[in-house]
Amino acid sequence: MIGDIDILVESNHLYKAEHLLKEVNYNSQEQTLFGKHKKHRHLPRLIHAEHLGAVEIHSKLLRKEKQNLLTVNTILANQKLINGVSVPRIEDNLDILILNHQINDFGYAFKSIDLKVCYDSFVLEQQQEQQQKEANTLGISKYHRLFYTLRALYFEPSTKDSIKTTTVLKTIYAFINKNKIARRIYTRLVNLNVRLMTCLVGVKLFVKNKHFRAEVWAHKSEAIKLLKRGDLV
């Protein structure tokens, strides 16, 4: 199932791309209290009354502190044209898939795996083999190593899953993922950490931005709900 369509553009083309979509009746979704003030990787989501998929226009791919892992300019420079549509090359698509799950969706923190991400990664790797693509130029980060190690817990290992990880770490990852009590406890601890991060971001915004302070005071109940859900990070 597709949640939205992500479009990557150069930062100086961001608002031009938004304008083009608005000309064909796409409209920005209303932002949350925190969403109006925090920094984003993309513009507010655009929706169309007659089309299913929402559109997000990105100028960045990962959270601020991890941007060096994926270079937007490199991905755009290596794009391929398929049926008139520009798409990332397979190697870049694989990196985007893994790092989005591991970093943006906190997969690395939770030491968890996503079945859809696993399926998509196998499809992309199969396409790599069919087209005899060269090895991934990004190399293997700690996020890649964790992803492939966890994937091997549930699926028959591929050449990618042979990436070296110590036996101790493999045992710990397996315990966290396959023991229900351990999984529950670990997930609660990570959720607590995420909420603390959310509060920290909220405090920084509150101190630095007078407009944010005014809105928080005017919408106290909404601010509390968003903090509880961890929607700020």
C-alpha atoms as a PDB file:
ATOM      1  CA  MET A   1       0.000   0.000   0.000  1.00  0.00           C
ATOM      2  CA  ILE A   2       1.363   3.444  -0.935  1.00  0.00           C
ATOM      3  CA  GLY A   3       0.974   6.109   1.734  1.00  0.00           C
ATOM      4  CA  ASP A   4       2.213   8.984  -0.385  1.00  0.00           C
ATOM      5  CA  ILE A   5       4.371   9.816  -3.385  1.00  0.00           C
ATOM      6  CA  ASP A   6       7.758  11.329  -2.528  1.00  0.00           C
ATOM      7  CA  ILE A   7       9.375  13.686  -5.020  1.00  0.00           C
ATOM      8  CA  LEU A   8      12.995  14.789  -4.577  1.00  0.00           C
ATOM      9  CA  VAL A   9      14.043  18.140  -6.054  1.00  0.00           C
ATOM     10  CA  GLU A  10      16.926  20.552  -5.666  1.00  0.00           C
ATOM     11  CA  SER A  11      16.308  23.002  -2.812  1.00  0.00           C
ATOM     12  CA  ASN A  12      16.102  25.988  -5.190  1.00  0.00           C
ATOM     13  CA  HIS A  13      13.295  24.235  -7.124  1.00  0.00           C
ATOM     14  CA  LEU A  14      11.245  23.348  -4.049  1.00  0.00           C
ATOM     15  CA  TYR A  15       8.573  26.033  -4.287  1.00  0.00           C
ATOM     16  CA  LYS A  16       8.483  25.935  -8.071  1.00  0.00           C
ATOM     17  CA  ALA A  17       7.540  22.236  -7.853  1.00  0.00           C
ATOM     18  CA  GLU A  18       4.879  23.037  -5.259  1.00  0.00           C
ATOM     19  CA  HIS A  19       3.458  25.799  -7.479  1.00  0.00           C
ATOM     20  CA  LEU A  20       3.194  23.414 -10.449  1.00  0.00           C
ATOM     21  CA  LEU A  21       1.221  20.894  -8.399  1.00  0.00           C
ATOM     22  CA  LYS A  22      -1.069  23.559  -6.981  1.00  0.00           C
ATOM     23  CA  GLU A  23      -1.811  24.662 -10.546  1.00  0.00           C
ATOM     24  CA  VAL A  24      -3.348  21.209 -11.149  1.00  0.00           C
ATOM     25  CA  ASN A  25      -5.519  21.414  -8.010  1.00  0.00           C
ATOM     26  CA  TYR A  26      -3.261  19.897  -5.353  1.00  0.00           C
ATOM     27  CA  ASN A  27      -3.652  21.635  -1.994  1.00  0.00           C
ATOM     28  CA  SER A  28      -1.489  21.688   1.139  1.00  0.00           C
ATOM     29  CA  GLN A  29      -2.758  19.751   4.138  1.00  0.00           C
ATOM     30  CA  GLU A  30      -3.264  21.696   7.341  1.00  0.00           C
ATOM     31  CA  GLN A  31      -0.201  21.434   9.557  1.00  0.00           C
ATOM     32  CA  THR A  32      -0.157  20.565  13.255  1.00  0.00           C
ATOM     33  CA  LEU A  33       0.883  23.067  15.901  1.00  0.00           C
ATOM     34  CA  PHE A  34       4.470  21.797  15.944  1.00  0.00           C
ATOM     35  CA  GLY A  35       4.511  21.199  12.205  1.00  0.00           C
ATOM     36  CA  LYS A  36       4.188  24.921  11.512  1.00  0.00           C
ATOM     37  CA  HIS A  37       7.452  25.697  13.296  1.00  0.00           C
ATOM     38  CA  LYS A  38       9.819  22.734  13.190  1.00  0.00           C
ATOM     39  CA  LYS A  39      12.239  22.110  10.351  1.00  0.00           C
ATOM     40  CA  HIS A  40      11.109  19.547   7.778  1.00  0.00           C
ATOM     41  CA  ARG A  41      12.644  17.377   5.100  1.00  0.00           C
ATOM     42  CA  HIS A  42       9.714  18.229   2.845  1.00  0.00           C
ATOM     43  CA  LEU A  43       7.012  20.812   2.233  1.00  0.00           C
ATOM     44  CA  PRO A  44       3.538  20.257   3.721  1.00  0.00           C
ATOM     45  CA  ARG A  45       1.845  17.228   2.155  1.00  0.00           C
ATOM     46  CA  LEU A  46      -0.222  17.992  -0.939  1.00  0.00           C
ATOM     47  CA  ILE A  47      -3.532  16.236  -1.591  1.00  0.00           C
ATOM     48  CA  HIS A  48      -5.970  16.181  -4.506  1.00  0.00           C
ATOM     49  CA  ALA A  49      -9.713  15.725  -4.093  1.00  0.00           C
ATOM     50  CA  GLU A  50      -9.895  13.216  -6.965  1.00  0.00           C
ATOM     51  CA  HIS A  51      -6.593  11.318  -6.584  1.00  0.00           C
ATOM     52  CA  LEU A  52      -5.675   8.697  -3.975  1.00  0.00           C
ATOM     53  CA  GLY A  53      -1.989   9.388  -3.382  1.00  0.00           C
ATOM     54  CA  ALA A  54      -0.760  12.423  -1.463  1.00  0.00           C
ATOM     55  CA  VAL A  55       2.476  14.079  -2.629  1.00  0.00           C
ATOM     56  CA  GLU A  56       5.445  15.195  -0.530  1.00  0.00           C
ATOM     57  CA  ILE A  57       8.093  17.388  -2.178  1.00  0.00           C
ATOM     58  CA  HIS A  58      11.488  16.762  -0.568  1.00  0.00           C
ATOM     59  CA  SER A  59      14.723  18.716  -0.651  1.00  0.00           C
ATOM     60  CA  LYS A  60      16.259  16.432   2.016  1.00  0.00           C
ATOM     61  CA  LEU A  61      16.003  12.707   2.653  1.00  0.00           C
ATOM     62  CA  LEU A  62      17.103  12.139   6.240  1.00  0.00           C
ATOM     63  CA  ARG A  63      16.856  13.869   9.556  1.00  0.00           C
ATOM     64  CA  LYS A  64      19.249  16.809   9.889  1.00  0.00           C
ATOM     65  CA  GLU A  65      21.999  15.113  11.872  1.00  0.00           C
ATOM     66  CA  LYS A  66      22.259  12.230   9.367  1.00  0.00           C
ATOM     67  CA  GLN A  67      22.131  14.063   6.045  1.00  0.00           C
ATOM     68  CA  ASN A  68      25.742  13.205   5.180  1.00  0.00           C
ATOM     69  CA  LEU A  69      24.760   9.550   4.637  1.00  0.00           C
ATOM     70  CA  LEU A  70      22.713  10.372   1.533  1.00  0.00           C
ATOM     71  CA  THR A  71      23.784  13.166  -0.815  1.00  0.00           C
ATOM     72  CA  VAL A  72      20.808  14.669  -2.631  1.00  0.00           C
ATOM     73  CA  ASN A  73      22.972  16.134  -5.400  1.00  0.00           C
ATOM     74  CA  THR A  74      24.513  12.722  -6.129  1.00  0.00           C
ATOM     75  CA  ILE A  75      21.134  11.001  -6.260  1.00  0.00           C
ATOM     76  CA  LEU A  76      19.740  13.650  -8.616  1.00  0.00           C
ATOM     77  CA  ALA A  77      22.866  13.509 -10.793  1.00  0.00           C
ATOM     78  CA  ASN A  78      22.534   9.709 -11.181  1.00  0.00           C
ATOM     79  CA  GLN A  79      18.772   9.638 -11.807  1.00  0.00           C
ATOM     80  CA  LYS A  80      17.395   7.472 -14.611  1.00  0.00           C
ATOM     81  CA  LEU A  81      14.505   8.134 -16.957  1.00  0.00           C
ATOM     82  CA  ILE A  82      11.941   5.283 -17.069  1.00  0.00           C
ATOM     83  CA  ASN A  83       8.737   5.741 -19.090  1.00  0.00           C
ATOM     84  CA  GLY A  84       9.253   9.486 -18.975  1.00  0.00           C
ATOM     85  CA  VAL A  85       9.647   9.583 -15.176  1.00  0.00           C
ATOM     86  CA  SER A  86      12.935  10.379 -13.419  1.00  0.00           C
ATOM     87  CA  VAL A  87      13.754   7.839 -10.687  1.00  0.00           C
ATOM     88  CA  PRO A  88      16.837   7.094  -8.558  1.00  0.00           C
ATOM     89  CA  ARG A  89      19.158   4.338  -9.721  1.00  0.00           C
ATOM     90  CA  ILE A  90      18.640   0.998  -8.000  1.00  0.00           C
ATOM     91  CA  GLU A  91      21.622   1.380  -5.652  1.00  0.00           C
ATOM     92  CA  ASP A  92      20.393   4.765  -4.452  1.00  0.00           C
ATOM     93  CA  ASN A  93      16.838   3.472  -4.083  1.00  0.00           C
ATOM     94  CA  LEU A  94      18.102   0.683  -1.848  1.00  0.00           C
ATOM     95  CA  ASP A  95      19.992   3.134   0.343  1.00  0.00           C
ATOM     96  CA  ILE A  96      16.954   5.423   0.589  1.00  0.00           C
ATOM     97  CA  LEU A  97      14.749   2.465   1.539  1.00  0.00           C
ATOM     98  CA  ILE A  98      17.064   1.168   4.271  1.00  0.00           C
ATOM     99  CA  LEU A  99      18.137   4.495   5.742  1.00  0.00           C
ATOM    100  CA  ASN A 100      14.605   5.908   5.765  1.00  0.00           C
ATOM    101  CA  HIS A 101      13.449   2.952   7.846  1.00  0.00           C
ATOM    102  CA  GLN A 102      16.516   2.838  10.078  1.00  0.00           C
ATOM    103  CA  ILE A 103      16.825   6.598  10.711  1.00  0.00           C
ATOM    104  CA  ASN A 104      13.589   8.443   9.919  1.00  0.00           C
ATOM    105  CA  ASP A 105      11.340   5.661  11.264  1.00  0.00           C
ATOM    106  CA  PHE A 106      13.670   4.863  14.205  1.00  0.00           C
ATOM    107  CA  GLY A 107      14.243   1.274  13.079  1.00  0.00           C
ATOM    108  CA  TYR A 108      17.839   1.488  14.322  1.00  0.00           C
ATOM    109  CA  ALA A 109      16.748   2.634  17.769  1.00  0.00           C
ATOM    110  CA  PHE A 110      14.013  -0.013  18.056  1.00  0.00           C
ATOM    111  CA  LYS A 111      16.249  -2.745  16.545  1.00  0.00           C
ATOM    112  CA  SER A 112      13.186  -3.717  14.536  1.00  0.00           C
ATOM    113  CA  ILE A 113      12.447  -4.859  11.002  1.00  0.00           C
ATOM    114  CA  ASP A 114       9.604  -3.936   8.662  1.00  0.00           C
ATOM    115  CA  LEU A 115       8.218  -6.687   6.414  1.00  0.00           C
ATOM    116  CA  LYS A 116       7.378  -4.282   3.582  1.00  0.00           C
ATOM    117  CA  VAL A 117      10.884  -2.811   3.680  1.00  0.00           C
ATOM    118  CA  CYS A 118      12.321  -6.347   3.602  1.00  0.00           C
ATOM    119  CA  TYR A 119      10.205  -7.258   0.582  1.00  0.00           C
ATOM    120  CA  ASP A 120      11.133  -4.062  -1.266  1.00  0.00           C
ATOM    121  CA  SER A 121      14.828  -4.620  -0.525  1.00  0.00           C
ATOM    122  CA  PHE A 122      14.714  -8.146  -2.007  1.00  0.00           C
ATOM    123  CA  VAL A 123      12.990  -6.791  -5.139  1.00  0.00           C
ATOM    124  CA  LEU A 124      15.622  -4.086  -5.584  1.00  0.00           C
ATOM    125  CA  GLU A 125      18.482  -6.538  -5.005  1.00  0.00           C
ATOM    126  CA  GLN A 126      17.015  -8.878  -7.605  1.00  0.00           C
ATOM    127  CA  GLN A 127      16.928  -6.014 -10.095  1.00  0.00           C
ATOM    128  CA  GLN A 128      20.553  -5.279  -9.268  1.00  0.00           C
ATOM    129  CA  GLU A 129      21.530  -8.840 -10.100  1.00  0.00           C
ATOM    130  CA  GLN A 130      19.502  -8.904 -13.300  1.00  0.00           C
ATOM    131  CA  GLN A 131      21.105  -5.700 -14.533  1.00  0.00           C
ATOM    132  CA  GLN A 132      24.542  -6.698 -13.221  1.00  0.00           C
ATOM    133  CA  LYS A 133      24.972  -3.443 -11.367  1.00  0.00           C
ATOM    134  CA  GLU A 134      28.241  -2.624  -9.638  1.00  0.00           C
ATOM    135  CA  ALA A 135      28.476  -2.738  -5.870  1.00  0.00           C
ATOM    136  CA  ASN A 136      26.777  -0.018  -3.856  1.00  0.00           C
ATOM    137  CA  THR A 137      29.027   3.051  -3.868  1.00  0.00           C
ATOM    138  CA  LEU A 138      27.805   4.231  -0.459  1.00  0.00           C
ATOM    139  CA  GLY A 139      29.422   1.360   1.362  1.00  0.00           C
ATOM    140  CA  ILE A 140      28.125  -0.328   4.481  1.00  0.00           C
ATOM    141  CA  SER A 141      27.066   1.901   7.362  1.00  0.00           C
ATOM    142  CA  LYS A 142      26.042   0.705  10.822  1.00  0.00           C
ATOM    143  CA  TYR A 143      22.429   1.148   9.684  1.00  0.00           C
ATOM    144  CA  HIS A 144      22.922  -1.183   6.723  1.00  0.00           C
ATOM    145  CA  ARG A 145      24.642  -3.767   8.911  1.00  0.00           C
ATOM    146  CA  LEU A 146      21.796  -3.796  11.424  1.00  0.00           C
ATOM    147  CA  PHE A 147      19.142  -3.985   8.687  1.00  0.00           C
ATOM    148  CA  TYR A 148      20.733  -6.982   6.962  1.00  0.00           C
ATOM    149  CA  THR A 149      21.456  -8.736  10.265  1.00  0.00           C
ATOM    150  CA  LEU A 150      17.828  -8.390  11.377  1.00  0.00           C
ATOM    151  CA  ARG A 151      16.509  -9.391   7.967  1.00  0.00           C
ATOM    152  CA  ALA A 152      18.507 -12.617   8.162  1.00  0.00           C
ATOM    153  CA  LEU A 153      16.631 -13.522  11.372  1.00  0.00           C
ATOM    154  CA  TYR A 154      13.415 -13.935   9.390  1.00  0.00           C
ATOM    155  CA  PHE A 155      14.408 -14.716   5.800  1.00  0.00           C
ATOM    156  CA  GLU A 156      16.864 -16.984   4.056  1.00  0.00           C
ATOM    157  CA  PRO A 157      20.163 -15.075   4.054  1.00  0.00           C
ATOM    158  CA  SER A 158      21.389 -13.535   0.793  1.00  0.00           C
ATOM    159  CA  THR A 159      24.898 -12.330  -0.015  1.00  0.00           C
ATOM    160  CA  LYS A 160      23.995  -8.994   1.588  1.00  0.00           C
ATOM    161  CA  ASP A 161      23.065 -10.750   4.831  1.00  0.00           C
ATOM    162  CA  SER A 162      26.572 -12.209   5.105  1.00  0.00           C
ATOM    163  CA  ILE A 163      27.862  -8.820   6.314  1.00  0.00           C
ATOM    164  CA  LYS A 164      29.954  -9.479   9.380  1.00  0.00           C
ATOM    165  CA  THR A 165      28.218  -8.972  12.720  1.00  0.00           C
ATOM    166  CA  THR A 166      29.517 -10.467  15.947  1.00  0.00           C
ATOM    167  CA  THR A 167      27.792 -13.528  17.341  1.00  0.00           C
ATOM    168  CA  VAL A 168      27.048 -11.648  20.567  1.00  0.00           C
ATOM    169  CA  LEU A 169      25.184  -8.883  18.706  1.00  0.00           C
ATOM    170  CA  LYS A 170      23.263 -11.402  16.592  1.00  0.00           C
ATOM    171  CA  THR A 171      22.176 -13.200  19.785  1.00  0.00           C
ATOM    172  CA  ILE A 172      21.053  -9.913  21.390  1.00  0.00           C
ATOM    173  CA  TYR A 173      19.103  -8.844  18.270  1.00  0.00           C
ATOM    174  CA  ALA A 174      17.409 -12.232  18.053  1.00  0.00           C
ATOM    175  CA  PHE A 175      16.463 -12.098  21.751  1.00  0.00           C
ATOM    176  CA  ILE A 176      15.011  -8.586  21.460  1.00  0.00           C
ATOM    177  CA  ASN A 177      12.972  -9.499  18.388  1.00  0.00           C
ATOM    178  CA  LYS A 178      11.805 -13.020  19.175  1.00  0.00           C
ATOM    179  CA  ASN A 179      11.175 -12.883  22.911  1.00  0.00           C
ATOM    180  CA  LYS A 180       7.783 -11.203  23.441  1.00  0.00           C
ATOM    181  CA  ILE A 181       8.546  -9.895  26.933  1.00  0.00           C
ATOM    182  CA  ALA A 182      11.968  -8.553  25.907  1.00  0.00           C
ATOM    183  CA  ARG A 183      10.423  -6.948  22.811  1.00  0.00           C
ATOM    184  CA  ARG A 184       7.735  -5.237  24.895  1.00  0.00           C
ATOM    185  CA  ILE A 185      10.164  -3.912  27.512  1.00  0.00           C
ATOM    186  CA  TYR A 186      12.701  -2.733  24.942  1.00  0.00           C
ATOM    187  CA  THR A 187      10.035  -1.004  22.838  1.00  0.00           C
ATOM    188  CA  ARG A 188       8.705   0.860  25.870  1.00  0.00           C
ATOM    189  CA  LEU A 189      12.196   2.056  26.774  1.00  0.00           C
ATOM    190  CA  VAL A 190      12.839   3.338  23.244  1.00  0.00           C
ATOM    191  CA  ASN A 191       9.421   5.000  23.121  1.00  0.00           C
ATOM    192  CA  LEU A 192      10.283   6.785  26.362  1.00  0.00           C
ATOM    193  CA  ASN A 193      13.538   7.992  24.828  1.00  0.00           C
ATOM    194  CA  VAL A 194      11.713   9.245  21.717  1.00  0.00           C
ATOM    195  CA  ARG A 195       9.265  11.177  23.881  1.00  0.00           C
ATOM    196  CA  LEU A 196      12.161  12.744  25.777  1.00  0.00           C
ATOM    197  CA  MET A 197      13.672  13.805  22.449  1.00  0.00           C
ATOM    198  CA  THR A 198      10.301  15.257  21.502  1.00  0.00           C
ATOM    199  CA  CYS A 199      10.138  17.265  24.697  1.00  0.00           C
ATOM    200  CA  LEU A 200      13.668  18.562  24.128  1.00  0.00           C
ATOM    201  CA  VAL A 201      12.802  19.749  20.617  1.00  0.00           C
ATOM    202  CA  GLY A 202       9.648  21.369  21.972  1.00  0.00           C
ATOM    203  CA  VAL A 203      11.551  23.165  24.731  1.00  0.00           C
ATOM    204  CA  LYS A 204      14.115  24.523  22.237  1.00  0.00           C
ATOM    205  CA  LEU A 205      11.347  25.810  19.994  1.00  0.00           C
ATOM    206  CA  PHE A 206       9.530  27.310  22.957  1.00  0.00           C
ATOM    207  CA  VAL A 207      12.640  29.194  24.113  1.00  0.00           C
ATOM    208  CA  LYS A 208      13.732  30.468  20.692  1.00  0.00           C
ATOM    209  CA  ASN A 209      10.453  31.192  18.904  1.00  0.00           C
ATOM    210  CA  LYS A 210       7.992  33.711  20.372  1.00  0.00           C
ATOM    211  CA  HIS A 211       5.329  32.841  17.777  1.00  0.00           C
ATOM    212  CA  PHE A 212       5.531  29.189  18.826  1.00  0.00           C
ATOM    213  CA  ARG A 213       5.199  30.178  22.502  1.00  0.00           C
ATOM    214  CA  ALA A 214       2.050  32.140  21.700  1.00  0.00           C
ATOM    215  CA  GLU A 215       0.518  29.234  19.770  1.00  0.00           C
ATOM    216  CA  VAL A 216       1.366  26.685  22.468  1.00  0.00           C
ATOM    217  CA  TRP A 217      -0.317  28.891  25.082  1.00  0.00           C
ATOM    218  CA  ALA A 218      -3.400  29.277  22.872  1.00  0.00           C
ATOM    219  CA  HIS A 219      -3.594  25.518  22.077  1.00  0.00           C
ATOM    220  CA  LYS A 220      -2.307  23.863  25.253  1.00  0.00           C
ATOM    221  CA  SER A 221      -4.404  20.683  24.902  1.00  0.00           C
ATOM    222  CA  GLU A 222      -3.194  20.039  21.329  1.00  0.00           C
ATOM    223  CA  ALA A 223       0.437  20.573  22.403  1.00  0.00           C
ATOM    224  CA  ILE A 224       0.097  17.998  25.197  1.00  0.00           C
ATOM    225  CA  LYS A 225      -1.441  15.405  22.852  1.00  0.00           C
ATOM    226  CA  LEU A 226       1.321  15.805  20.273  1.00  0.00           C
ATOM    227  CA  LEU A 227       4.035  15.526  22.936  1.00  0.00           C
ATOM    228  CA  LYS A 228       2.496  12.294  24.230  1.00  0.00           C
ATOM    229  CA  ARG A 229       2.452  10.809  20.717  1.00  0.00           C
ATOM    230  CA  GLY A 230       6.028  11.872  19.992  1.00  0.00           C
ATOM    231  CA  ASP A 231       4.999  13.678  16.799  1.00  0.00           C
ATOM    232  CA  LEU A 232       7.643  16.347  16.994  1.00  0.00           C
ATOM    233  CA  VAL A 233      10.749  14.409  15.997  1.00  0.00           C
END
